[in-house]
Amino acid sequence: MKVIILYDRIAKQGTSPDQSDALVQAEAIGRALQDLGHESVDMGFSMDIKAFLKEIREAYPQLVFNLVESVDGHGRLIHFPASILDLLAIPYTGAQADALYLTSSKILTKKILSGAGIPTPSYYSPRNLRAKSIPLSGPYIVKSVWEHASVGLEESSVLSVESSGQLLAEMEKRRDQLGGDCFAEQFIDGREFNLSLLASQEGPEVLPPAEMRFIDYPPGKWKVVGYRAKWDEASFESLHTQRSFEFPKSERPLLQNLIDLTKRCWHLFGLRGYARVDFRVDERNQPWVLEINANPCLSPDAGFVAAASQAGLSYRQVVERIIRNAGVSVP
């Protein structure tokens, strides 16, 4: 089977670690596809739609392995390639276009979660804060609406403010750093969990839960899995944020609650192939959904692959299950 491995063209420019990581994923997936007996070709996607249509029609793939997380560096366009592939009737891996759009906007995601009764931290958009003065309590974390991979997210994103005007001013200061639209989310000062899902013939399989543990953080330092923790291996945040799959038996009720919520998220957003749900858990053991990651990172050292390994799955088996869930006949 001929498979196109598709990613944002900007990845080849190596402008930042999160963007160039797509090339690491493509290389690993290409090796796995070769081991599975398939032919793979790398292809970059950009907003030059005419050129893309010509290139992909000439390539004539039976499947596209969709690694596009942004288009020309813009996360809000993540659904474009999938929409075009739908129009061309070319099968592709992972989430479909509508699910990619719904989960790419963190605000839209939160509205859908709240409507379904799934707990997610409260938030304010600049529009909310401009409309009227709102009394605030507790810290807030300022996030990008559209950008993922912790772009623009650091300890300094957590703010203790006393008025809506002060919070609005801080959000406006961070717009460029966050790639445009941003919002302020109530900061849950607790534990952080990542739960990954992988499609199977029986439905979505929740892989072993992972906790991101903050080791030896000094008093007063906010515990955030930000950009440095993910992409700067020499930073304090990276060295002192460790993934763990080990839990005492007393935590089984909490883990089961997280698993149940993760499955609800999968079905609510109509996810496909593979996904990851990020949680915070407060001091009362109440989970809060932070984000839903459709098509999460598949780099060999990424959290998703680590969770799959804990479940006894090799990288090749992960890739095989993803392509089998893409609606194509796999020999």
C-alpha atoms as a PDB file:
ATOM      1  CA  MET A   1       0.000   0.000   0.000  1.00  0.00           C
ATOM      2  CA  LYS A   2       1.273   3.471  -0.882  1.00  0.00           C
ATOM      3  CA  VAL A   3       1.073   5.880   2.061  1.00  0.00           C
ATOM      4  CA  ILE A   4       1.724   9.626   2.030  1.00  0.00           C
ATOM      5  CA  ILE A   5       3.105  10.916   5.354  1.00  0.00           C
ATOM      6  CA  LEU A   6       1.723  14.452   5.499  1.00  0.00           C
ATOM      7  CA  TYR A   7       2.949  17.271   7.745  1.00  0.00           C
ATOM      8  CA  ASP A   8       3.139  21.066   7.827  1.00  0.00           C
ATOM      9  CA  ARG A   9       5.653  22.245   5.233  1.00  0.00           C
ATOM     10  CA  ILE A  10       7.117  24.700   7.745  1.00  0.00           C
ATOM     11  CA  ALA A  11       8.566  21.735   9.680  1.00  0.00           C
ATOM     12  CA  LYS A  12      11.394  21.513   7.138  1.00  0.00           C
ATOM     13  CA  GLN A  13      12.487  25.045   8.028  1.00  0.00           C
ATOM     14  CA  GLY A  14      13.284  23.910  11.586  1.00  0.00           C
ATOM     15  CA  THR A  15      12.101  27.198  13.086  1.00  0.00           C
ATOM     16  CA  SER A  16      11.310  25.664  16.499  1.00  0.00           C
ATOM     17  CA  PRO A  17      11.570  22.243  18.177  1.00  0.00           C
ATOM     18  CA  ASP A  18       7.800  21.715  18.262  1.00  0.00           C
ATOM     19  CA  GLN A  19       7.499  22.334  14.511  1.00  0.00           C
ATOM     20  CA  SER A  20      10.536  20.312  13.408  1.00  0.00           C
ATOM     21  CA  ASP A  21       9.347  17.412  15.594  1.00  0.00           C
ATOM     22  CA  ALA A  22       7.009  16.478  12.742  1.00  0.00           C
ATOM     23  CA  LEU A  23      10.079  15.302  10.800  1.00  0.00           C
ATOM     24  CA  VAL A  24      11.062  13.028  13.698  1.00  0.00           C
ATOM     25  CA  GLN A  25       7.572  11.539  13.664  1.00  0.00           C
ATOM     26  CA  ALA A  26       7.599  11.125   9.884  1.00  0.00           C
ATOM     27  CA  GLU A  27      10.916   9.281   9.946  1.00  0.00           C
ATOM     28  CA  ALA A  28       9.772   6.870  12.664  1.00  0.00           C
ATOM     29  CA  ILE A  29       6.422   6.233  10.982  1.00  0.00           C
ATOM     30  CA  GLY A  30       8.136   5.707   7.629  1.00  0.00           C
ATOM     31  CA  ARG A  31      10.335   2.990   9.145  1.00  0.00           C
ATOM     32  CA  ALA A  32       7.319   1.319  10.749  1.00  0.00           C
ATOM     33  CA  LEU A  33       5.377   1.393   7.474  1.00  0.00           C
ATOM     34  CA  GLN A  34       8.337  -0.144   5.660  1.00  0.00           C
ATOM     35  CA  ASP A  35       8.516  -2.910   8.276  1.00  0.00           C
ATOM     36  CA  LEU A  36       4.807  -3.523   7.696  1.00  0.00           C
ATOM     37  CA  GLY A  37       5.398  -3.901   3.955  1.00  0.00           C
ATOM     38  CA  HIS A  38       4.081  -0.508   2.818  1.00  0.00           C
ATOM     39  CA  GLU A  39       5.628   2.186   0.634  1.00  0.00           C
ATOM     40  CA  SER A  40       5.756   5.678   2.147  1.00  0.00           C
ATOM     41  CA  VAL A  41       6.447   9.138   0.726  1.00  0.00           C
ATOM     42  CA  ASP A  42       6.843  12.322   2.792  1.00  0.00           C
ATOM     43  CA  MET A  43       4.862  15.383   1.717  1.00  0.00           C
ATOM     44  CA  GLY A  44       4.587  18.914   3.123  1.00  0.00           C
ATOM     45  CA  PHE A  45       1.255  20.743   3.251  1.00  0.00           C
ATOM     46  CA  SER A  46       0.845  24.506   2.898  1.00  0.00           C
ATOM     47  CA  MET A  47      -1.842  27.001   1.934  1.00  0.00           C
ATOM     48  CA  ASP A  48      -0.763  26.667  -1.701  1.00  0.00           C
ATOM     49  CA  ILE A  49      -3.757  24.407  -2.230  1.00  0.00           C
ATOM     50  CA  LYS A  50      -3.386  24.249  -6.013  1.00  0.00           C
ATOM     51  CA  ALA A  51       0.158  22.898  -5.700  1.00  0.00           C
ATOM     52  CA  PHE A  52      -0.917  20.385  -3.043  1.00  0.00           C
ATOM     53  CA  LEU A  53      -3.779  19.076  -5.179  1.00  0.00           C
ATOM     54  CA  LYS A  54      -1.424  18.553  -8.106  1.00  0.00           C
ATOM     55  CA  GLU A  55       1.185  16.826  -5.951  1.00  0.00           C
ATOM     56  CA  ILE A  56      -1.158  14.440  -4.178  1.00  0.00           C
ATOM     57  CA  ARG A  57      -3.073  13.518  -7.334  1.00  0.00           C
ATOM     58  CA  GLU A  58       0.210  12.649  -9.022  1.00  0.00           C
ATOM     59  CA  ALA A  59       1.288  10.602  -5.999  1.00  0.00           C
ATOM     60  CA  TYR A  60      -2.045   8.739  -6.015  1.00  0.00           C
ATOM     61  CA  PRO A  61      -1.801   7.314  -2.460  1.00  0.00           C
ATOM     62  CA  GLN A  62      -4.095   4.701  -1.011  1.00  0.00           C
ATOM     63  CA  LEU A  63      -3.782   6.331   2.425  1.00  0.00           C
ATOM     64  CA  VAL A  64      -2.493   9.548   3.998  1.00  0.00           C
ATOM     65  CA  PHE A  65      -0.880   9.367   7.430  1.00  0.00           C
ATOM     66  CA  ASN A  66      -1.933  12.785   8.698  1.00  0.00           C
ATOM     67  CA  LEU A  67       0.668  14.438  10.955  1.00  0.00           C
ATOM     68  CA  VAL A  68      -0.430  18.018  10.245  1.00  0.00           C
ATOM     69  CA  GLU A  69      -0.684  19.929  13.554  1.00  0.00           C
ATOM     70  CA  SER A  70      -0.666  23.384  11.947  1.00  0.00           C
ATOM     71  CA  VAL A  71      -0.683  24.904   8.462  1.00  0.00           C
ATOM     72  CA  ASP A  72       2.133  27.333   7.715  1.00  0.00           C
ATOM     73  CA  GLY A  73       2.594  27.480  11.489  1.00  0.00           C
ATOM     74  CA  HIS A  74      -1.064  28.304  12.299  1.00  0.00           C
ATOM     75  CA  GLY A  75      -2.763  25.811  14.618  1.00  0.00           C
ATOM     76  CA  ARG A  76      -6.262  27.094  13.863  1.00  0.00           C
ATOM     77  CA  LEU A  77      -5.976  25.594  10.345  1.00  0.00           C
ATOM     78  CA  ILE A  78      -5.262  22.036  11.498  1.00  0.00           C
ATOM     79  CA  HIS A  79      -8.510  20.742   9.965  1.00  0.00           C
ATOM     80  CA  PHE A  80      -7.805  22.055   6.437  1.00  0.00           C
ATOM     81  CA  PRO A  81      -5.816  19.072   5.111  1.00  0.00           C
ATOM     82  CA  ALA A  82      -8.368  16.573   6.413  1.00  0.00           C
ATOM     83  CA  SER A  83     -11.198  18.564   4.798  1.00  0.00           C
ATOM     84  CA  ILE A  84      -9.412  18.514   1.437  1.00  0.00           C
ATOM     85  CA  LEU A  85      -8.697  14.797   1.719  1.00  0.00           C
ATOM     86  CA  ASP A  86     -12.397  14.238   2.428  1.00  0.00           C
ATOM     87  CA  LEU A  87     -13.273  16.108  -0.787  1.00  0.00           C
ATOM     88  CA  LEU A  88     -10.762  13.988  -2.711  1.00  0.00           C
ATOM     89  CA  ALA A  89     -12.115  10.794  -1.089  1.00  0.00           C
ATOM     90  CA  ILE A  90      -8.599   9.857   0.041  1.00  0.00           C
ATOM     91  CA  PRO A  91      -8.573   7.941   3.354  1.00  0.00           C
ATOM     92  CA  TYR A  92      -6.403   9.341   6.138  1.00  0.00           C
ATOM     93  CA  THR A  93      -5.382   8.366   9.647  1.00  0.00           C
ATOM     94  CA  GLY A  94      -6.562   9.803  12.926  1.00  0.00           C
ATOM     95  CA  ALA A  95      -9.330  12.242  13.693  1.00  0.00           C
ATOM     96  CA  GLN A  96     -11.635  13.455  10.956  1.00  0.00           C
ATOM     97  CA  ALA A  97     -11.907  17.106   9.954  1.00  0.00           C
ATOM     98  CA  ASP A  98     -14.824  18.025  12.232  1.00  0.00           C
ATOM     99  CA  ALA A  99     -13.191  16.485  15.311  1.00  0.00           C
ATOM    100  CA  LEU A 100      -9.899  18.230  14.504  1.00  0.00           C
ATOM    101  CA  TYR A 101     -11.681  21.572  14.320  1.00  0.00           C
ATOM    102  CA  LEU A 102     -13.672  21.075  17.528  1.00  0.00           C
ATOM    103  CA  THR A 103     -10.615  20.061  19.539  1.00  0.00           C
ATOM    104  CA  SER A 104      -8.257  22.646  18.025  1.00  0.00           C
ATOM    105  CA  SER A 105     -10.167  25.519  19.655  1.00  0.00           C
ATOM    106  CA  LYS A 106      -9.683  25.153  23.398  1.00  0.00           C
ATOM    107  CA  ILE A 107     -12.647  27.443  24.080  1.00  0.00           C
ATOM    108  CA  LEU A 108     -14.979  25.472  21.809  1.00  0.00           C
ATOM    109  CA  THR A 109     -13.717  22.263  23.414  1.00  0.00           C
ATOM    110  CA  LYS A 110     -14.510  23.623  26.876  1.00  0.00           C
ATOM    111  CA  LYS A 111     -18.029  24.651  25.834  1.00  0.00           C
ATOM    112  CA  ILE A 112     -18.743  21.162  24.506  1.00  0.00           C
ATOM    113  CA  LEU A 113     -17.287  19.519  27.616  1.00  0.00           C
ATOM    114  CA  SER A 114     -19.358  21.729  29.921  1.00  0.00           C
ATOM    115  CA  GLY A 115     -22.501  21.037  27.916  1.00  0.00           C
ATOM    116  CA  ALA A 116     -21.926  17.308  28.369  1.00  0.00           C
ATOM    117  CA  GLY A 117     -21.344  17.631  32.109  1.00  0.00           C
ATOM    118  CA  ILE A 118     -17.631  16.812  31.909  1.00  0.00           C
ATOM    119  CA  PRO A 119     -15.678  18.961  34.392  1.00  0.00           C
ATOM    120  CA  THR A 120     -13.300  21.523  32.885  1.00  0.00           C
ATOM    121  CA  PRO A 121     -11.869  24.621  34.595  1.00  0.00           C
ATOM    122  CA  SER A 122     -13.804  27.866  34.210  1.00  0.00           C
ATOM    123  CA  TYR A 123     -12.347  30.489  31.896  1.00  0.00           C
ATOM    124  CA  TYR A 124     -12.618  34.058  30.632  1.00  0.00           C
ATOM    125  CA  SER A 125     -12.061  35.356  27.129  1.00  0.00           C
ATOM    126  CA  PRO A 126     -11.045  38.974  26.416  1.00  0.00           C
ATOM    127  CA  ARG A 127     -14.600  39.573  25.205  1.00  0.00           C
ATOM    128  CA  ASN A 128     -16.015  38.460  28.590  1.00  0.00           C
ATOM    129  CA  LEU A 129     -13.669  40.761  30.471  1.00  0.00           C
ATOM    130  CA  ARG A 130     -14.334  43.775  28.239  1.00  0.00           C
ATOM    131  CA  ALA A 131     -18.096  43.407  28.622  1.00  0.00           C
ATOM    132  CA  LYS A 132     -18.211  43.998  32.377  1.00  0.00           C
ATOM    133  CA  SER A 133     -16.133  44.126  35.521  1.00  0.00           C
ATOM    134  CA  ILE A 134     -15.886  40.651  37.054  1.00  0.00           C
ATOM    135  CA  PRO A 135     -14.654  39.868  40.579  1.00  0.00           C
ATOM    136  CA  LEU A 136     -11.828  37.347  40.440  1.00  0.00           C
ATOM    137  CA  SER A 137     -10.334  34.952  42.962  1.00  0.00           C
ATOM    138  CA  GLY A 138      -7.460  32.512  42.718  1.00  0.00           C
ATOM    139  CA  PRO A 139      -4.760  32.247  40.053  1.00  0.00           C
ATOM    140  CA  TYR A 140      -5.451  32.030  36.313  1.00  0.00           C
ATOM    141  CA  ILE A 141      -3.300  30.633  33.527  1.00  0.00           C
ATOM    142  CA  VAL A 142      -3.252  32.426  30.176  1.00  0.00           C
ATOM    143  CA  LYS A 143      -3.293  30.066  27.182  1.00  0.00           C
ATOM    144  CA  SER A 144      -3.469  30.247  23.414  1.00  0.00           C
ATOM    145  CA  VAL A 145      -6.890  29.386  22.011  1.00  0.00           C
ATOM    146  CA  TRP A 146      -5.481  27.595  18.970  1.00  0.00           C
ATOM    147  CA  GLU A 147      -1.833  26.654  19.454  1.00  0.00           C
ATOM    148  CA  HIS A 148      -0.908  23.321  21.011  1.00  0.00           C
ATOM    149  CA  ALA A 149       2.396  21.659  22.031  1.00  0.00           C
ATOM    150  CA  SER A 150       2.502  24.129  24.975  1.00  0.00           C
ATOM    151  CA  VAL A 151       3.400  27.000  22.628  1.00  0.00           C
ATOM    152  CA  GLY A 152       3.779  30.175  24.717  1.00  0.00           C
ATOM    153  CA  LEU A 153       2.980  28.326  27.941  1.00  0.00           C
ATOM    154  CA  GLU A 154       5.334  28.837  30.887  1.00  0.00           C
ATOM    155  CA  GLU A 155       5.305  29.354  34.647  1.00  0.00           C
ATOM    156  CA  SER A 156       4.923  33.088  33.963  1.00  0.00           C
ATOM    157  CA  SER A 157       1.584  32.304  32.287  1.00  0.00           C
ATOM    158  CA  VAL A 158       0.093  31.734  35.763  1.00  0.00           C
ATOM    159  CA  LEU A 159      -1.174  35.039  37.155  1.00  0.00           C
ATOM    160  CA  SER A 160      -2.493  36.114  40.527  1.00  0.00           C
ATOM    161  CA  VAL A 161      -4.709  39.088  39.732  1.00  0.00           C
ATOM    162  CA  GLU A 162      -7.215  41.132  41.700  1.00  0.00           C
ATOM    163  CA  SER A 163      -9.426  42.533  38.951  1.00  0.00           C
ATOM    164  CA  SER A 164     -10.767  41.662  35.522  1.00  0.00           C
ATOM    165  CA  GLY A 165      -9.079  44.758  34.116  1.00  0.00           C
ATOM    166  CA  GLN A 166      -5.695  43.569  35.343  1.00  0.00           C
ATOM    167  CA  LEU A 167      -6.254  40.108  33.856  1.00  0.00           C
ATOM    168  CA  LEU A 168      -7.357  41.595  30.524  1.00  0.00           C
ATOM    169  CA  ALA A 169      -4.241  43.768  30.381  1.00  0.00           C
ATOM    170  CA  GLU A 170      -2.011  40.757  31.022  1.00  0.00           C
ATOM    171  CA  MET A 171      -3.795  38.758  28.307  1.00  0.00           C
ATOM    172  CA  GLU A 172      -3.317  41.546  25.770  1.00  0.00           C
ATOM    173  CA  LYS A 173       0.411  41.666  26.588  1.00  0.00           C
ATOM    174  CA  ARG A 174       0.727  37.964  25.770  1.00  0.00           C
ATOM    175  CA  ARG A 175      -1.212  37.866  22.482  1.00  0.00           C
ATOM    176  CA  ASP A 176       1.810  37.806  20.181  1.00  0.00           C
ATOM    177  CA  GLN A 177       3.669  35.252  22.296  1.00  0.00           C
ATOM    178  CA  LEU A 178       0.603  32.981  22.191  1.00  0.00           C
ATOM    179  CA  GLY A 179       0.038  33.277  18.453  1.00  0.00           C
ATOM    180  CA  GLY A 180      -3.020  35.531  18.619  1.00  0.00           C
ATOM    181  CA  ASP A 181      -6.261  34.663  20.407  1.00  0.00           C
ATOM    182  CA  CYS A 182      -5.897  33.729  24.059  1.00  0.00           C
ATOM    183  CA  PHE A 183      -8.019  33.078  27.146  1.00  0.00           C
ATOM    184  CA  ALA A 184      -7.549  32.850  30.903  1.00  0.00           C
ATOM    185  CA  GLU A 185      -8.351  29.549  32.584  1.00  0.00           C
ATOM    186  CA  GLN A 186      -8.751  28.958  36.303  1.00  0.00           C
ATOM    187  CA  PHE A 187      -5.454  27.384  37.381  1.00  0.00           C
ATOM    188  CA  ILE A 188      -5.841  24.033  39.119  1.00  0.00           C
ATOM    189  CA  ASP A 189      -2.843  23.777  41.426  1.00  0.00           C
ATOM    190  CA  GLY A 190      -2.740  20.003  41.611  1.00  0.00           C
ATOM    191  CA  ARG A 191      -1.537  16.846  39.892  1.00  0.00           C
ATOM    192  CA  GLU A 192      -1.337  16.423  36.113  1.00  0.00           C
ATOM    193  CA  PHE A 193      -2.326  13.273  34.215  1.00  0.00           C
ATOM    194  CA  ASN A 194      -2.223  12.254  30.549  1.00  0.00           C
ATOM    195  CA  LEU A 195      -4.485   9.461  29.316  1.00  0.00           C
ATOM    196  CA  SER A 196      -3.929   8.114  25.810  1.00  0.00           C
ATOM    197  CA  LEU A 197      -6.371   6.161  23.658  1.00  0.00           C
ATOM    198  CA  LEU A 198      -5.708   3.836  20.734  1.00  0.00           C
ATOM    199  CA  ALA A 199      -8.361   2.387  18.449  1.00  0.00           C
ATOM    200  CA  SER A 200      -8.953  -1.353  18.443  1.00  0.00           C
ATOM    201  CA  GLN A 201     -11.517  -3.714  16.943  1.00  0.00           C
ATOM    202  CA  GLU A 202     -13.401  -3.577  20.248  1.00  0.00           C
ATOM    203  CA  GLY A 203     -13.408   0.225  20.410  1.00  0.00           C
ATOM    204  CA  PRO A 204     -10.997   2.720  21.975  1.00  0.00           C
ATOM    205  CA  GLU A 205      -8.427   1.214  24.331  1.00  0.00           C
ATOM    206  CA  VAL A 206      -7.314   3.488  27.148  1.00  0.00           C
ATOM    207  CA  LEU A 207      -3.581   2.973  27.564  1.00  0.00           C
ATOM    208  CA  PRO A 208      -1.980   2.971  31.039  1.00  0.00           C
ATOM    209  CA  PRO A 209      -2.504   6.372  32.722  1.00  0.00           C
ATOM    210  CA  ALA A 210       0.551   8.578  33.129  1.00  0.00           C
ATOM    211  CA  GLU A 211       1.163  11.221  35.773  1.00  0.00           C
ATOM    212  CA  MET A 212       3.525  14.116  35.114  1.00  0.00           C
ATOM    213  CA  ARG A 213       5.258  14.507  38.469  1.00  0.00           C
ATOM    214  CA  PHE A 214       6.923  17.742  39.515  1.00  0.00           C
ATOM    215  CA  ILE A 215      10.075  16.708  41.376  1.00  0.00           C
ATOM    216  CA  ASP A 216      11.823  19.037  43.849  1.00  0.00           C
ATOM    217  CA  TYR A 217      10.013  22.157  42.689  1.00  0.00           C
ATOM    218  CA  PRO A 218      10.883  24.970  45.116  1.00  0.00           C
ATOM    219  CA  PRO A 219       8.109  26.620  47.171  1.00  0.00           C
ATOM    220  CA  GLY A 220       6.314  29.298  45.194  1.00  0.00           C
ATOM    221  CA  LYS A 221       7.197  27.883  41.768  1.00  0.00           C
ATOM    222  CA  TRP A 222       4.053  27.122  39.777  1.00  0.00           C
ATOM    223  CA  LYS A 223       3.863  23.546  38.511  1.00  0.00           C
ATOM    224  CA  VAL A 224       3.222  23.795  34.785  1.00  0.00           C
ATOM    225  CA  VAL A 225       4.057  21.406  31.942  1.00  0.00           C
ATOM    226  CA  GLY A 226       5.047  24.283  29.685  1.00  0.00           C
ATOM    227  CA  TYR A 227       7.142  24.762  26.588  1.00  0.00           C
ATOM    228  CA  ARG A 228      10.484  24.396  28.375  1.00  0.00           C
ATOM    229  CA  ALA A 229       9.358  21.203  30.118  1.00  0.00           C
ATOM    230  CA  LYS A 230       8.494  19.664  26.749  1.00  0.00           C
ATOM    231  CA  TRP A 231      11.132  21.026  24.418  1.00  0.00           C
ATOM    232  CA  ASP A 232      14.172  22.324  26.353  1.00  0.00           C
ATOM    233  CA  GLU A 233      15.913  19.222  27.679  1.00  0.00           C
ATOM    234  CA  ALA A 234      18.474  21.233  29.664  1.00  0.00           C
ATOM    235  CA  SER A 235      15.887  23.329  31.517  1.00  0.00           C
ATOM    236  CA  PHE A 236      14.940  22.893  35.184  1.00  0.00           C
ATOM    237  CA  GLU A 237      11.356  22.212  34.116  1.00  0.00           C
ATOM    238  CA  SER A 238      12.343  19.372  31.783  1.00  0.00           C
ATOM    239  CA  LEU A 239      14.795  17.788  34.213  1.00  0.00           C
ATOM    240  CA  HIS A 240      12.358  17.969  37.142  1.00  0.00           C
ATOM    241  CA  THR A 241       9.138  16.942  35.370  1.00  0.00           C
ATOM    242  CA  GLN A 242       8.994  13.162  35.167  1.00  0.00           C
ATOM    243  CA  ARG A 243       6.409  10.822  33.684  1.00  0.00           C
ATOM    244  CA  SER A 244       5.293   7.960  35.933  1.00  0.00           C
ATOM    245  CA  PHE A 245       3.013   4.981  35.386  1.00  0.00           C
ATOM    246  CA  GLU A 246       3.333   3.693  38.961  1.00  0.00           C
ATOM    247  CA  PHE A 247       0.401   4.146  41.362  1.00  0.00           C
ATOM    248  CA  PRO A 248      -0.565   2.601  44.705  1.00  0.00           C
ATOM    249  CA  LYS A 249      -3.707   0.474  44.927  1.00  0.00           C
ATOM    250  CA  SER A 250      -5.410   3.268  46.867  1.00  0.00           C
ATOM    251  CA  GLU A 251      -5.442   5.362  43.659  1.00  0.00           C
ATOM    252  CA  ARG A 252      -7.493   2.858  41.663  1.00  0.00           C
ATOM    253  CA  PRO A 253     -10.805   4.748  42.109  1.00  0.00           C
ATOM    254  CA  LEU A 254      -9.184   7.964  40.847  1.00  0.00           C
ATOM    255  CA  LEU A 255      -7.598   6.193  37.873  1.00  0.00           C
ATOM    256  CA  GLN A 256     -10.901   4.538  36.972  1.00  0.00           C
ATOM    257  CA  ASN A 257     -12.614   7.923  37.092  1.00  0.00           C
ATOM    258  CA  LEU A 258      -9.970   9.312  34.726  1.00  0.00           C
ATOM    259  CA  ILE A 259     -10.391   6.338  32.385  1.00  0.00           C
ATOM    260  CA  ASP A 260     -14.185   6.750  32.304  1.00  0.00           C
ATOM    261  CA  LEU A 261     -13.916  10.481  31.557  1.00  0.00           C
ATOM    262  CA  THR A 262     -11.355   9.793  28.831  1.00  0.00           C
ATOM    263  CA  LYS A 263     -13.707   7.370  27.066  1.00  0.00           C
ATOM    264  CA  ARG A 264     -16.535   9.905  27.310  1.00  0.00           C
ATOM    265  CA  CYS A 265     -14.328  12.499  25.631  1.00  0.00           C
ATOM    266  CA  TRP A 266     -13.483  10.089  22.798  1.00  0.00           C
ATOM    267  CA  HIS A 267     -17.146   9.440  22.021  1.00  0.00           C
ATOM    268  CA  LEU A 268     -18.294  13.027  22.621  1.00  0.00           C
ATOM    269  CA  PHE A 269     -15.913  14.436  20.010  1.00  0.00           C
ATOM    270  CA  GLY A 270     -16.106  11.490  17.619  1.00  0.00           C
ATOM    271  CA  LEU A 271     -12.382  10.806  17.806  1.00  0.00           C
ATOM    272  CA  ARG A 272     -10.673   8.173  15.690  1.00  0.00           C
ATOM    273  CA  GLY A 273      -7.355   6.347  15.537  1.00  0.00           C
ATOM    274  CA  TYR A 274      -5.578   7.759  18.566  1.00  0.00           C
ATOM    275  CA  ALA A 275      -5.910  10.631  21.023  1.00  0.00           C
ATOM    276  CA  ARG A 276      -4.811  11.957  24.406  1.00  0.00           C
ATOM    277  CA  VAL A 277      -6.752  13.707  27.164  1.00  0.00           C
ATOM    278  CA  ASP A 278      -4.901  15.939  29.630  1.00  0.00           C
ATOM    279  CA  PHE A 279      -6.205  16.340  33.182  1.00  0.00           C
ATOM    280  CA  ARG A 280      -5.513  18.228  36.362  1.00  0.00           C
ATOM    281  CA  VAL A 281      -6.651  16.681  39.646  1.00  0.00           C
ATOM    282  CA  ASP A 282      -7.250  19.014  42.577  1.00  0.00           C
ATOM    283  CA  GLU A 283      -6.738  18.432  46.311  1.00  0.00           C
ATOM    284  CA  ARG A 284     -10.212  16.846  46.577  1.00  0.00           C
ATOM    285  CA  ASN A 285      -9.295  14.256  43.899  1.00  0.00           C
ATOM    286  CA  GLN A 286     -11.636  15.969  41.433  1.00  0.00           C
ATOM    287  CA  PRO A 287     -10.414  15.575  37.835  1.00  0.00           C
ATOM    288  CA  TRP A 288     -10.642  18.511  35.413  1.00  0.00           C
ATOM    289  CA  VAL A 289     -10.183  18.093  31.661  1.00  0.00           C
ATOM    290  CA  LEU A 290      -7.657  20.620  30.360  1.00  0.00           C
ATOM    291  CA  GLU A 291      -7.337  19.655  26.698  1.00  0.00           C
ATOM    292  CA  ILE A 292      -8.216  16.973  24.203  1.00  0.00           C
ATOM    293  CA  ASN A 293      -5.426  16.174  21.781  1.00  0.00           C
ATOM    294  CA  ALA A 294      -6.621  14.571  18.574  1.00  0.00           C
ATOM    295  CA  ASN A 295      -3.669  13.037  16.700  1.00  0.00           C
ATOM    296  CA  PRO A 296      -1.120  13.573  19.507  1.00  0.00           C
ATOM    297  CA  CYS A 297       2.629  13.430  18.928  1.00  0.00           C
ATOM    298  CA  LEU A 298       3.960  10.043  17.784  1.00  0.00           C
ATOM    299  CA  SER A 299       7.676  10.702  18.245  1.00  0.00           C
ATOM    300  CA  PRO A 300       9.378   7.628  19.725  1.00  0.00           C
ATOM    301  CA  ASP A 301      10.070   9.522  22.975  1.00  0.00           C
ATOM    302  CA  ALA A 302       6.582  11.068  23.249  1.00  0.00           C
ATOM    303  CA  GLY A 303       4.118  10.355  26.034  1.00  0.00           C
ATOM    304  CA  PHE A 304       1.703   8.506  23.762  1.00  0.00           C
ATOM    305  CA  VAL A 305       4.361   6.021  22.666  1.00  0.00           C
ATOM    306  CA  ALA A 306       5.510   5.606  26.272  1.00  0.00           C
ATOM    307  CA  ALA A 307       1.949   4.709  27.303  1.00  0.00           C
ATOM    308  CA  ALA A 308       1.660   2.237  24.427  1.00  0.00           C
ATOM    309  CA  SER A 309       4.920   0.621  25.506  1.00  0.00           C
ATOM    310  CA  GLN A 310       3.512   0.228  29.018  1.00  0.00           C
ATOM    311  CA  ALA A 311       0.606  -1.652  27.414  1.00  0.00           C
ATOM    312  CA  GLY A 312       3.062  -4.021  25.718  1.00  0.00           C
ATOM    313  CA  LEU A 313       2.731  -2.499  22.246  1.00  0.00           C
ATOM    314  CA  SER A 314       5.670  -1.878  19.930  1.00  0.00           C
ATOM    315  CA  TYR A 315       5.887   1.260  17.792  1.00  0.00           C
ATOM    316  CA  ARG A 316       5.106  -0.814  14.705  1.00  0.00           C
ATOM    317  CA  GLN A 317       1.981  -2.239  16.362  1.00  0.00           C
ATOM    318  CA  VAL A 318       0.804   1.280  17.220  1.00  0.00           C
ATOM    319  CA  VAL A 319       1.206   2.408  13.606  1.00  0.00           C
ATOM    320  CA  GLU A 320      -0.541  -0.716  12.334  1.00  0.00           C
ATOM    321  CA  ARG A 321      -3.567  -0.157  14.578  1.00  0.00           C
ATOM    322  CA  ILE A 322      -3.803   3.483  13.530  1.00  0.00           C
ATOM    323  CA  ILE A 323      -3.824   2.665   9.810  1.00  0.00           C
ATOM    324  CA  ARG A 324      -6.293  -0.200  10.292  1.00  0.00           C
ATOM    325  CA  ASN A 325      -8.702   2.289  11.889  1.00  0.00           C
ATOM    326  CA  ALA A 326      -8.475   4.667   8.912  1.00  0.00           C
ATOM    327  CA  GLY A 327     -11.105   2.944   6.811  1.00  0.00           C
ATOM    328  CA  VAL A 328      -8.803   1.181   4.342  1.00  0.00           C
ATOM    329  CA  SER A 329      -8.325  -2.492   3.608  1.00  0.00           C
ATOM    330  CA  VAL A 330      -4.935  -3.465   5.007  1.00  0.00           C
ATOM    331  CA  PRO A 331      -3.433  -6.770   3.836  1.00  0.00           C
END
